[in-house]
Amino acid sequence: HPVYRIGYATSPDGLVWTKNPANPVLTVGPAGAWDDDTVYAPQVVHHGGTFHMWYSAGDGTTPRNWQIGYATSCDQDGVVWVKDPANPVLGIGANPSWECGDSVDFNFVLDDNGVWTMYYSGSSSRCGGGDYQIGRAVLAGELPPGAGCRADLALDKSVDVATRVVGQNVVFTVTVTNLGGNCASDAVVSDLLPSGFTWLNDDSAGAYNPTTGLWTIPLLLPGSSVALHITATAVSTGTWVNTATVTSAVPDDPDTGNNTDSVTVTVQPPPEWAIPTASPAGLATLACLMLLAGLLRITRRI
């Protein structure tokens, strides 16, 4: 029997098509998998920055089991696909039922006023029937980004000098990297300076609010990084901890273990020689000099 795979082609007008050199873009699963024999009849929807594919597939058993799987593509051209680990997402019905045969396949998925709805064909060939009919299934909740298609924002915090003297400046650096396979938009980082420092300037072009400590990142592509440099002045002695945290992003970041980082800066008082002091002996000497200067002026007048 023929073994089917899923390919990909593009067209500027819907008439002339060019096959992708990476074809097939979706192939069969490993031996023993539910889709180890053939994959066919794909339907692709672009939603939430992710390509979603529902496809029919069969195993190598006799008779074969034809069921419906799901895959996602995070890149911008829909070439690299990741199958969902929960596949098949729609399988053959139990006996007795109208779909207790060897197949549920040839799906069609649409967004029906916010409810993702699938229409598909099925038969009861294994339980006394054989006629193909059309069924309807709905997705509970919103369509997920899919396997590997979430943003994963990792935050790193650093400082140029770990020890400072009151009155000196430090530069705090916050770097956010998108380790995931999907774009992250409207990410918010909380980085409020500790009370031992006052904000002097930063290079965010207004994206960082020194009063609230919130830094907004409009868009972060997969694999890319963005950095914020905050220059602050040390105003109080002590050991100060500066913490930055990714608080939100679209879509949500499922891995929060790398969203927070901290640095510690010790602020020391200025050295004693830099602080003006007045000892009793010094004051006495100054008084004598002032008195002598006054007597000299009087003598000159006489």
Protein backbone atom coordinates (compact mmCIF):
# COMPACT_ATOMS: atom_id res chain seq x y z
CA HIS A 1 0.00 0.00 0.00
CA PRO A 2 1.19 3.57 -0.53
CA VAL A 3 2.94 5.28 2.38
CA TYR A 4 1.99 8.94 2.71
CA ARG A 5 3.97 11.83 4.15
CA ILE A 6 3.06 15.51 4.45
CA GLY A 7 4.80 18.12 2.29
CA TYR A 8 4.76 21.88 2.04
CA ALA A 9 4.57 24.27 -0.93
CA THR A 10 4.16 28.02 -1.40
CA SER A 11 2.53 30.14 -4.07
CA PRO A 12 2.28 33.89 -4.71
CA ASP A 13 -1.07 33.56 -6.48
CA GLY A 14 -2.53 30.14 -5.65
CA LEU A 15 -1.81 28.91 -9.18
CA VAL A 16 1.94 28.36 -9.43
CA TRP A 17 3.37 26.39 -6.51
CA THR A 18 6.93 25.73 -5.34
CA LYS A 19 7.66 22.67 -3.21
CA ASN A 20 9.83 23.20 -0.17
CA PRO A 21 13.25 21.53 -0.45
CA ALA A 22 12.90 20.33 3.16
CA ASN A 23 9.93 18.10 2.28
CA PRO A 24 8.47 16.07 3.82
CA VAL A 25 7.86 18.41 6.75
CA LEU A 26 5.91 15.79 8.73
CA THR A 27 6.72 12.10 8.52
CA VAL A 28 5.70 8.88 10.26
CA GLY A 29 6.52 8.08 13.86
CA PRO A 30 8.97 5.45 15.13
CA ALA A 31 8.19 1.74 14.95
CA GLY A 32 5.33 0.84 17.27
CA ALA A 33 3.94 4.37 17.39
CA TRP A 34 0.31 5.10 16.60
CA ASP A 35 1.41 6.85 13.38
CA ASP A 36 4.30 4.59 12.30
CA ASP A 37 2.77 3.68 8.93
CA THR A 38 1.45 6.81 7.23
CA VAL A 39 0.46 10.46 7.80
CA TYR A 40 -1.92 12.33 5.50
CA ALA A 41 -4.78 14.85 5.12
CA PRO A 42 -3.30 17.82 7.02
CA GLN A 43 -5.14 20.98 7.98
CA VAL A 44 -3.13 24.00 9.16
CA VAL A 45 -4.34 27.04 11.14
CA HIS A 46 -2.19 30.01 12.13
CA HIS A 47 -3.25 31.25 15.56
CA GLY A 48 -1.48 33.06 18.39
CA GLY A 49 1.82 33.26 16.51
CA THR A 50 1.92 29.47 16.04
CA PHE A 51 1.05 27.15 13.16
CA HIS A 52 -1.30 24.35 14.29
CA MET A 53 -1.72 21.18 12.23
CA TRP A 54 -4.29 18.41 12.61
CA TYR A 55 -3.57 15.37 10.49
CA SER A 56 -4.73 11.81 9.94
CA ALA A 57 -2.36 8.91 10.55
CA GLY A 58 -2.31 5.13 10.77
CA ASP A 59 -0.25 2.39 12.36
CA GLY A 60 1.10 -0.81 10.86
CA THR A 61 -1.41 -3.21 12.42
CA THR A 62 -3.91 -5.30 10.48
CA PRO A 63 -6.48 -3.89 10.18
CA ARG A 64 -4.93 -0.46 10.59
CA ASN A 65 -6.07 2.11 13.11
CA TRP A 66 -6.58 5.53 11.53
CA GLN A 67 -6.70 8.36 14.04
CA ILE A 68 -6.14 12.13 14.25
CA GLY A 69 -2.94 13.77 15.51
CA TYR A 70 -1.81 17.30 16.28
CA ALA A 71 1.48 19.13 15.67
CA THR A 72 2.74 22.69 16.03
CA SER A 73 5.32 24.82 14.26
CA CYS A 74 6.95 27.76 16.02
CA ASP A 75 8.99 29.13 13.12
CA GLN A 76 7.63 31.79 10.81
CA ASP A 77 7.32 29.60 7.70
CA GLY A 78 5.70 26.43 9.07
CA VAL A 79 8.49 24.06 8.04
CA VAL A 80 9.69 22.56 11.35
CA TRP A 81 6.93 20.72 13.22
CA VAL A 82 6.69 19.14 16.68
CA LYS A 83 4.14 16.41 17.31
CA ASP A 84 2.09 16.70 20.47
CA PRO A 85 3.09 14.12 23.11
CA ALA A 86 -0.60 13.47 23.85
CA ASN A 87 -1.27 12.15 20.32
CA PRO A 88 -3.58 10.93 19.01
CA VAL A 89 -5.85 13.79 20.05
CA LEU A 90 -8.92 12.07 18.58
CA GLY A 91 -9.12 8.29 18.44
CA ILE A 92 -11.44 5.47 17.49
CA GLY A 93 -14.62 5.17 19.56
CA ALA A 94 -15.47 2.35 21.93
CA ASN A 95 -17.68 -0.58 20.97
CA PRO A 96 -20.56 -0.09 20.47
CA SER A 97 -20.53 3.35 18.84
CA TRP A 98 -20.95 4.80 15.38
CA GLU A 99 -17.14 5.29 15.15
CA CYS A 100 -15.95 1.94 16.53
CA GLY A 101 -14.44 0.98 13.20
CA ASP A 102 -10.84 1.24 12.06
CA SER A 103 -10.73 4.97 11.43
CA VAL A 104 -11.53 8.50 12.45
CA ASP A 105 -9.86 10.81 9.95
CA PHE A 106 -10.17 13.59 7.37
CA ASN A 107 -10.67 16.28 9.99
CA PHE A 108 -11.69 19.90 9.49
CA VAL A 109 -11.10 22.40 12.33
CA LEU A 110 -12.50 25.92 12.66
CA ASP A 111 -12.93 28.64 15.25
CA ASP A 112 -16.68 28.76 15.84
CA ASN A 113 -17.15 32.05 17.73
CA GLY A 114 -14.34 31.29 20.15
CA VAL A 115 -14.96 27.52 20.33
CA TRP A 116 -12.51 25.35 18.41
CA THR A 117 -14.63 22.77 16.61
CA MET A 118 -13.56 19.71 14.64
CA TYR A 119 -15.63 17.84 12.06
CA TYR A 120 -14.32 14.43 11.06
CA SER A 121 -15.32 11.15 9.41
CA GLY A 122 -15.68 7.79 11.15
CA SER A 123 -17.14 4.35 10.66
CA SER A 124 -18.37 1.32 12.62
CA SER A 125 -16.72 -1.28 10.40
CA ARG A 126 -15.43 -3.32 13.36
CA CYS A 127 -18.70 -3.54 15.21
CA GLY A 128 -21.33 -4.57 12.71
CA GLY A 129 -21.51 -1.45 10.57
CA GLY A 130 -19.30 0.04 7.93
CA ASP A 131 -20.92 3.24 6.78
CA TYR A 132 -18.84 6.41 7.08
CA GLN A 133 -20.47 9.27 8.93
CA ILE A 134 -19.41 12.72 10.11
CA GLY A 135 -18.83 13.55 13.77
CA ARG A 136 -18.24 16.77 15.68
CA ALA A 137 -15.85 17.42 18.58
CA VAL A 138 -15.01 20.60 20.51
CA LEU A 139 -11.88 21.70 22.35
CA ALA A 140 -12.26 22.52 26.03
CA GLY A 141 -10.58 25.90 26.54
CA GLU A 142 -8.26 27.94 24.37
CA LEU A 143 -5.99 26.52 21.70
CA PRO A 144 -2.59 26.00 23.39
CA PRO A 145 0.71 27.19 21.89
CA GLY A 146 1.70 23.54 21.51
CA ALA A 147 4.77 21.48 22.31
CA GLY A 148 7.92 23.63 22.27
CA CYS A 149 6.05 26.74 21.18
CA ARG A 150 6.09 28.79 24.35
CA ALA A 151 8.45 31.59 25.18
CA ASP A 152 10.95 30.86 27.95
CA LEU A 153 12.39 34.09 29.34
CA ALA A 154 15.64 33.73 31.27
CA LEU A 155 16.82 36.72 33.33
CA ASP A 156 20.39 37.53 34.34
CA LYS A 157 21.36 40.32 36.75
CA SER A 158 24.89 41.76 37.16
CA VAL A 159 26.69 44.81 38.53
CA ASP A 160 29.96 46.37 37.41
CA VAL A 161 31.45 46.75 40.93
CA ALA A 162 30.39 44.85 44.05
CA THR A 163 31.83 47.38 46.53
CA ARG A 164 31.28 51.11 46.43
CA VAL A 165 31.73 54.20 48.62
CA VAL A 166 28.90 56.61 49.39
CA GLY A 167 28.64 59.08 46.54
CA GLN A 168 30.04 56.76 43.88
CA ASN A 169 28.06 55.30 40.96
CA VAL A 170 27.34 51.70 40.01
CA VAL A 171 25.88 50.22 36.82
CA PHE A 172 23.29 47.46 37.20
CA THR A 173 22.67 45.32 34.10
CA VAL A 174 19.55 43.22 33.48
CA THR A 175 19.60 40.83 30.49
CA VAL A 176 16.52 38.90 29.33
CA THR A 177 16.92 36.06 26.81
CA ASN A 178 14.11 34.18 25.07
CA LEU A 179 15.11 30.51 25.22
CA GLY A 180 11.73 29.30 23.91
CA GLY A 181 10.44 28.64 20.43
CA ASN A 182 7.82 31.38 20.35
CA CYS A 183 7.93 35.16 20.38
CA ALA A 184 7.32 36.92 23.69
CA SER A 185 5.45 40.22 23.67
CA ASP A 186 4.71 42.83 26.34
CA ALA A 187 7.08 41.23 28.83
CA VAL A 188 7.37 43.11 32.13
CA VAL A 189 10.45 43.03 34.38
CA SER A 190 10.31 44.33 37.95
CA ASP A 191 13.63 45.88 39.04
CA LEU A 192 13.19 48.47 41.78
CA LEU A 193 16.44 49.85 43.15
CA PRO A 194 17.07 49.29 46.88
CA SER A 195 16.88 52.33 49.16
CA GLY A 196 20.66 52.56 49.39
CA PHE A 197 20.79 53.86 45.81
CA THR A 198 19.21 56.63 43.78
CA TRP A 199 18.53 56.30 40.07
CA LEU A 200 20.76 58.46 37.87
CA ASN A 201 19.99 57.31 34.31
CA ASP A 202 19.35 54.26 32.10
CA ASP A 203 19.43 53.32 28.41
CA SER A 204 15.85 52.05 27.99
CA ALA A 205 14.61 55.12 26.08
CA GLY A 206 11.69 55.44 28.48
CA ALA A 207 10.78 51.75 28.73
CA TYR A 208 12.02 51.63 32.35
CA ASN A 209 10.18 53.53 35.08
CA PRO A 210 12.57 54.26 37.97
CA THR A 211 9.67 55.10 40.29
CA THR A 212 7.84 51.77 39.89
CA GLY A 213 10.89 49.75 38.86
CA LEU A 214 9.01 48.28 35.87
CA TRP A 215 10.72 47.68 32.54
CA THR A 216 8.50 46.83 29.53
CA ILE A 217 9.86 44.77 26.62
CA PRO A 218 7.49 45.07 23.61
CA LEU A 219 8.80 42.04 21.64
CA LEU A 220 11.49 39.41 22.11
CA LEU A 221 12.08 36.92 19.28
CA PRO A 222 13.14 33.31 19.91
CA GLY A 223 16.86 33.14 20.66
CA SER A 224 17.26 36.89 21.07
CA SER A 225 18.31 38.97 24.09
CA VAL A 226 17.80 42.51 25.33
CA ALA A 227 19.68 44.34 28.08
CA LEU A 228 18.92 47.26 30.39
CA HIS A 229 21.72 49.28 32.02
CA ILE A 230 20.81 51.36 35.08
CA THR A 231 23.30 53.82 36.53
CA ALA A 232 22.67 54.57 40.21
CA THR A 233 24.42 56.54 42.96
CA ALA A 234 25.20 54.98 46.34
CA VAL A 235 23.64 57.13 49.09
CA SER A 236 23.61 54.90 52.20
CA THR A 237 26.09 52.50 53.74
CA GLY A 238 25.23 48.84 54.10
CA THR A 239 24.86 45.63 52.12
CA TRP A 240 22.17 46.04 49.47
CA VAL A 241 20.49 43.34 47.38
CA ASN A 242 19.07 44.30 43.99
CA THR A 243 16.61 41.76 42.55
CA ALA A 244 15.02 41.68 39.09
CA THR A 245 12.12 39.40 38.07
CA VAL A 246 10.17 38.72 34.89
CA THR A 247 6.61 39.18 36.17
CA SER A 248 4.56 38.63 33.01
CA ALA A 249 4.72 37.99 29.26
CA VAL A 250 2.45 36.98 26.36
CA PRO A 251 2.18 34.04 26.06
CA ASP A 252 2.75 32.96 29.65
CA ASP A 253 6.20 31.64 30.51
CA PRO A 254 5.78 28.06 31.83
CA ASP A 255 9.33 27.93 33.21
CA THR A 256 9.57 30.44 36.06
CA GLY A 257 12.70 28.93 37.55
CA ASN A 258 14.96 31.22 35.52
CA ASN A 259 12.89 34.41 35.78
CA THR A 260 14.64 35.95 38.82
CA ASP A 261 18.21 36.94 39.64
CA SER A 262 19.91 39.14 42.26
CA VAL A 263 23.20 40.93 42.91
CA THR A 264 24.64 42.25 46.17
CA VAL A 265 26.52 45.54 46.54
CA THR A 266 28.31 46.69 49.69
CA VAL A 267 28.38 50.46 50.21
CA GLN A 268 31.08 51.76 52.55
CA PRO A 269 31.47 55.19 54.17
CA PRO A 270 33.99 57.57 52.61
CA PRO A 271 37.56 57.41 54.04
CA GLU A 272 38.29 59.53 57.12
CA TRP A 273 40.68 61.83 55.27
CA ALA A 274 37.86 62.85 53.00
CA ILE A 275 35.60 63.95 55.88
CA PRO A 276 36.24 67.50 57.18
CA THR A 277 37.02 67.40 60.93
CA ALA A 278 37.86 70.07 63.55
CA SER A 279 40.05 69.03 66.53
CA PRO A 280 40.45 71.27 69.63
CA ALA A 281 44.12 71.88 68.83
CA GLY A 282 43.26 72.83 65.30
CA LEU A 283 40.62 75.26 66.43
CA ALA A 284 43.07 76.87 68.91
CA THR A 285 45.70 77.29 66.22
CA LEU A 286 43.16 78.82 63.86
CA ALA A 287 42.04 81.27 66.56
CA CYS A 288 45.64 82.36 67.22
CA LEU A 289 46.28 82.94 63.55
CA MET A 290 43.13 85.01 63.21
CA LEU A 291 44.11 87.09 66.29
CA LEU A 292 47.61 87.67 64.93
CA ALA A 293 46.22 88.79 61.59
CA GLY A 294 43.99 91.27 63.37
CA LEU A 295 46.89 92.76 65.39
CA LEU A 296 48.95 93.19 62.26
CA ARG A 297 46.18 95.15 60.59
CA ILE A 298 45.87 97.41 63.67
CA THR A 299 49.66 98.00 63.79
CA ARG A 300 49.72 99.07 60.15
CA ARG A 301 46.95 101.60 60.72
CA ILE A 302 48.88 103.22 63.63
